[in-house]
């Protein structure tokens, strides 16, 4: 039960943070990504704040060797940059730049009723379902 409550708290805090920082606002994201035009650097502070919060958590979890609420600690160890990583990163980045949304903010945006968030989340769900039918290579 503690895991469920901790997950609920963390997810709610994350969603509120995304909403307050306007990361659910596609125009704000596109303004941040438009470095050649009317660039809005404010989301860099949001990202820096996320790193400031995450780095000590990762450090403590690695030092401890297990998550605080039990289970298996899974921190990626691969440093391989292959075609799958590059292509996936390009698809993610282009989708982010076109829509102004990425998965976390799109789901948080559902709570404020943004039409773009609903369309994005539906398209994301279709993509996840379609991926199940792609053969492993």
C-alpha atoms as a PDB file:
ATOM      1  CA  UNK A   1       0.000   0.000   0.000  1.00  0.00           C
ATOM      2  CA  UNK A   2       2.917   2.336   0.739  1.00  0.00           C
ATOM      3  CA  UNK A   3       4.225   1.868  -2.829  1.00  0.00           C
ATOM      4  CA  UNK A   4       0.837   2.820  -4.266  1.00  0.00           C
ATOM      5  CA  UNK A   5       0.552   5.934  -2.093  1.00  0.00           C
ATOM      6  CA  UNK A   6       4.139   6.967  -2.873  1.00  0.00           C
ATOM      7  CA  UNK A   7       3.475   6.475  -6.598  1.00  0.00           C
ATOM      8  CA  UNK A   8       0.265   8.489  -6.387  1.00  0.00           C
ATOM      9  CA  UNK A   9       2.057  11.295  -4.543  1.00  0.00           C
ATOM     10  CA  UNK A  10       5.029  11.328  -6.938  1.00  0.00           C
ATOM     11  CA  UNK A  11       2.808  11.246 -10.032  1.00  0.00           C
ATOM     12  CA  UNK A  12       0.579  14.014  -8.707  1.00  0.00           C
ATOM     13  CA  UNK A  13       3.577  16.161  -7.777  1.00  0.00           C
ATOM     14  CA  UNK A  14       5.102  15.570 -11.222  1.00  0.00           C
ATOM     15  CA  UNK A  15       1.840  16.481 -12.971  1.00  0.00           C
ATOM     16  CA  UNK A  16       1.379  19.626 -10.890  1.00  0.00           C
ATOM     17  CA  UNK A  17       4.983  20.615 -11.596  1.00  0.00           C
ATOM     18  CA  UNK A  18       4.502  20.141 -15.342  1.00  0.00           C
ATOM     19  CA  UNK A  19       1.308  22.199 -15.252  1.00  0.00           C
ATOM     20  CA  UNK A  20       2.724  25.031 -13.110  1.00  0.00           C
ATOM     21  CA  UNK A  21       5.861  25.230 -15.276  1.00  0.00           C
ATOM     22  CA  UNK A  22       3.634  25.379 -18.396  1.00  0.00           C
ATOM     23  CA  UNK A  23       5.221  22.287 -19.927  1.00  0.00           C
ATOM     24  CA  UNK A  24       1.663  21.249 -20.849  1.00  0.00           C
ATOM     25  CA  UNK A  25       1.419  24.358 -23.046  1.00  0.00           C
ATOM     26  CA  UNK A  26       2.569  23.451 -26.586  1.00  0.00           C
ATOM     27  CA  UNK A  27       3.212  27.121 -27.448  1.00  0.00           C
ATOM     28  CA  UNK A  28       5.637  27.381 -24.506  1.00  0.00           C
ATOM     29  CA  UNK A  29       7.507  24.250 -25.636  1.00  0.00           C
ATOM     30  CA  UNK A  30       7.726  25.377 -29.247  1.00  0.00           C
ATOM     31  CA  UNK A  31       9.008  28.769 -28.020  1.00  0.00           C
ATOM     32  CA  UNK A  32      11.742  26.947 -26.112  1.00  0.00           C
ATOM     33  CA  UNK A  33      12.678  24.785 -29.104  1.00  0.00           C
ATOM     34  CA  UNK A  34      12.733  27.762 -31.510  1.00  0.00           C
ATOM     35  CA  UNK A  35      16.347  28.758 -30.878  1.00  0.00           C
ATOM     36  CA  UNK A  36      16.618  30.506 -34.257  1.00  0.00           C
ATOM     37  CA  UNK A  37      13.509  32.631 -33.725  1.00  0.00           C
ATOM     38  CA  UNK A  38      11.810  34.097 -30.657  1.00  0.00           C
ATOM     39  CA  UNK A  39      13.527  31.788 -28.161  1.00  0.00           C
ATOM     40  CA  UNK A  40      12.004  31.409 -24.676  1.00  0.00           C
ATOM     41  CA  UNK A  41      14.713  30.001 -22.351  1.00  0.00           C
ATOM     42  CA  UNK A  42      12.498  29.652 -19.249  1.00  0.00           C
ATOM     43  CA  UNK A  43      12.010  25.899 -19.628  1.00  0.00           C
ATOM     44  CA  UNK A  44      15.763  25.427 -19.237  1.00  0.00           C
ATOM     45  CA  UNK A  45      15.227  26.391 -15.591  1.00  0.00           C
ATOM     46  CA  UNK A  46      12.501  23.741 -15.301  1.00  0.00           C
ATOM     47  CA  UNK A  47      14.898  21.134 -16.697  1.00  0.00           C
ATOM     48  CA  UNK A  48      17.679  22.304 -14.378  1.00  0.00           C
ATOM     49  CA  UNK A  49      15.294  22.023 -11.424  1.00  0.00           C
ATOM     50  CA  UNK A  50      14.457  18.467 -12.473  1.00  0.00           C
ATOM     51  CA  UNK A  51      18.144  17.576 -12.576  1.00  0.00           C
ATOM     52  CA  UNK A  52      18.761  19.178  -9.197  1.00  0.00           C
ATOM     53  CA  UNK A  53      16.001  17.001  -7.742  1.00  0.00           C
ATOM     54  CA  UNK A  54      16.935  13.791  -9.597  1.00  0.00           C
ATOM     55  CA  UNK A  55      20.714  13.673  -9.205  1.00  0.00           C
ATOM     56  CA  UNK A  56      20.743  13.250  -5.395  1.00  0.00           C
ATOM     57  CA  UNK A  57      17.991  10.626  -5.681  1.00  0.00           C
ATOM     58  CA  UNK A  58      19.979   8.584  -8.200  1.00  0.00           C
ATOM     59  CA  UNK A  59      23.117   8.974  -6.093  1.00  0.00           C
ATOM     60  CA  UNK A  60      21.361   7.738  -2.940  1.00  0.00           C
ATOM     61  CA  UNK A  61      19.642   4.868  -4.760  1.00  0.00           C
ATOM     62  CA  UNK A  62      22.901   3.677  -6.339  1.00  0.00           C
ATOM     63  CA  UNK A  63      24.732   3.937  -3.023  1.00  0.00           C
ATOM     64  CA  UNK A  64      21.962   2.026  -1.263  1.00  0.00           C
ATOM     65  CA  UNK A  65      21.710  -0.610  -4.014  1.00  0.00           C
ATOM     66  CA  UNK A  66      17.932  -0.876  -3.882  1.00  0.00           C
ATOM     67  CA  UNK A  67      14.906   1.431  -4.095  1.00  0.00           C
ATOM     68  CA  UNK A  68      13.584   2.904  -0.842  1.00  0.00           C
ATOM     69  CA  UNK A  69      10.253   1.090  -1.220  1.00  0.00           C
ATOM     70  CA  UNK A  70      11.709  -2.257  -2.289  1.00  0.00           C
ATOM     71  CA  UNK A  71      11.953  -3.960  -5.642  1.00  0.00           C
ATOM     72  CA  UNK A  72      14.848  -4.036  -8.076  1.00  0.00           C
ATOM     73  CA  UNK A  73      16.956  -0.978  -8.854  1.00  0.00           C
ATOM     74  CA  UNK A  74      17.136  -0.573 -12.626  1.00  0.00           C
ATOM     75  CA  UNK A  75      19.556   2.134 -13.723  1.00  0.00           C
ATOM     76  CA  UNK A  76      20.624   1.880 -17.384  1.00  0.00           C
ATOM     77  CA  UNK A  77      24.242   0.859 -17.818  1.00  0.00           C
ATOM     78  CA  UNK A  78      24.588   0.718 -21.611  1.00  0.00           C
ATOM     79  CA  UNK A  79      26.573   3.513 -23.198  1.00  0.00           C
ATOM     80  CA  UNK A  80      26.136   2.195 -26.743  1.00  0.00           C
ATOM     81  CA  UNK A  81      24.931   4.713 -29.311  1.00  0.00           C
ATOM     82  CA  UNK A  82      23.411   2.657 -32.114  1.00  0.00           C
ATOM     83  CA  UNK A  83      21.023   3.259 -35.011  1.00  0.00           C
ATOM     84  CA  UNK A  84      17.959   2.370 -32.907  1.00  0.00           C
ATOM     85  CA  UNK A  85      18.860   5.019 -30.324  1.00  0.00           C
ATOM     86  CA  UNK A  86      19.572   7.692 -32.932  1.00  0.00           C
ATOM     87  CA  UNK A  87      16.426   6.985 -34.974  1.00  0.00           C
ATOM     88  CA  UNK A  88      14.249   6.822 -31.859  1.00  0.00           C
ATOM     89  CA  UNK A  89      15.718  10.106 -30.588  1.00  0.00           C
ATOM     90  CA  UNK A  90      15.083  11.781 -33.939  1.00  0.00           C
ATOM     91  CA  UNK A  91      11.468  10.554 -34.043  1.00  0.00           C
ATOM     92  CA  UNK A  92      10.903  11.731 -30.462  1.00  0.00           C
ATOM     93  CA  UNK A  93      12.502  15.131 -31.116  1.00  0.00           C
ATOM     94  CA  UNK A  94      10.629  15.767 -34.352  1.00  0.00           C
ATOM     95  CA  UNK A  95       7.342  14.758 -32.726  1.00  0.00           C
ATOM     96  CA  UNK A  96       8.073  17.025 -29.765  1.00  0.00           C
ATOM     97  CA  UNK A  97       8.925  19.961 -32.038  1.00  0.00           C
ATOM     98  CA  UNK A  98       5.863  19.485 -34.250  1.00  0.00           C
ATOM     99  CA  UNK A  99       3.304  18.986 -31.478  1.00  0.00           C
ATOM    100  CA  UNK A 100       4.930  20.900 -28.639  1.00  0.00           C
ATOM    101  CA  UNK A 101       4.211  17.937 -26.365  1.00  0.00           C
ATOM    102  CA  UNK A 102       6.016  14.892 -25.077  1.00  0.00           C
ATOM    103  CA  UNK A 103       4.395  11.991 -23.200  1.00  0.00           C
ATOM    104  CA  UNK A 104       4.626  13.249 -19.608  1.00  0.00           C
ATOM    105  CA  UNK A 105       3.254  16.735 -20.224  1.00  0.00           C
ATOM    106  CA  UNK A 106       0.634  15.394 -22.642  1.00  0.00           C
ATOM    107  CA  UNK A 107      -0.772  13.100 -19.964  1.00  0.00           C
ATOM    108  CA  UNK A 108      -0.607  15.874 -17.361  1.00  0.00           C
ATOM    109  CA  UNK A 109      -2.360  18.141 -19.882  1.00  0.00           C
ATOM    110  CA  UNK A 110      -5.335  15.776 -19.939  1.00  0.00           C
ATOM    111  CA  UNK A 111      -6.204  17.107 -16.478  1.00  0.00           C
ATOM    112  CA  UNK A 112      -6.630  20.646 -17.801  1.00  0.00           C
ATOM    113  CA  UNK A 113      -8.663  19.536 -20.814  1.00  0.00           C
ATOM    114  CA  UNK A 114      -6.401  20.655 -23.647  1.00  0.00           C
ATOM    115  CA  UNK A 115      -7.609  19.311 -27.003  1.00  0.00           C
ATOM    116  CA  UNK A 116      -4.022  18.924 -28.216  1.00  0.00           C
ATOM    117  CA  UNK A 117      -3.241  16.734 -25.199  1.00  0.00           C
ATOM    118  CA  UNK A 118      -6.181  14.452 -25.951  1.00  0.00           C
ATOM    119  CA  UNK A 119      -5.173  14.116 -29.613  1.00  0.00           C
ATOM    120  CA  UNK A 120      -1.541  13.511 -28.661  1.00  0.00           C
ATOM    121  CA  UNK A 121      -2.439  10.914 -26.005  1.00  0.00           C
ATOM    122  CA  UNK A 122      -4.728   9.087 -28.455  1.00  0.00           C
ATOM    123  CA  UNK A 123      -2.003   9.046 -31.121  1.00  0.00           C
ATOM    124  CA  UNK A 124       0.518   7.870 -28.533  1.00  0.00           C
ATOM    125  CA  UNK A 125      -1.800   5.027 -27.491  1.00  0.00           C
ATOM    126  CA  UNK A 126      -2.249   3.989 -31.139  1.00  0.00           C
ATOM    127  CA  UNK A 127       1.533   4.034 -31.576  1.00  0.00           C
ATOM    128  CA  UNK A 128       2.080   1.873 -28.481  1.00  0.00           C
ATOM    129  CA  UNK A 129      -0.528  -0.623 -29.633  1.00  0.00           C
ATOM    130  CA  UNK A 130       0.909  -0.696 -33.174  1.00  0.00           C
ATOM    131  CA  UNK A 131       4.409  -1.309 -31.757  1.00  0.00           C
ATOM    132  CA  UNK A 132       3.209  -4.628 -30.324  1.00  0.00           C
ATOM    133  CA  UNK A 133       2.726  -5.822 -33.907  1.00  0.00           C
ATOM    134  CA  UNK A 134       6.228  -4.866 -35.091  1.00  0.00           C
ATOM    135  CA  UNK A 135       8.408  -7.976 -35.204  1.00  0.00           C
ATOM    136  CA  UNK A 136      11.527  -8.019 -33.003  1.00  0.00           C
ATOM    137  CA  UNK A 137      14.733  -7.656 -34.985  1.00  0.00           C
END
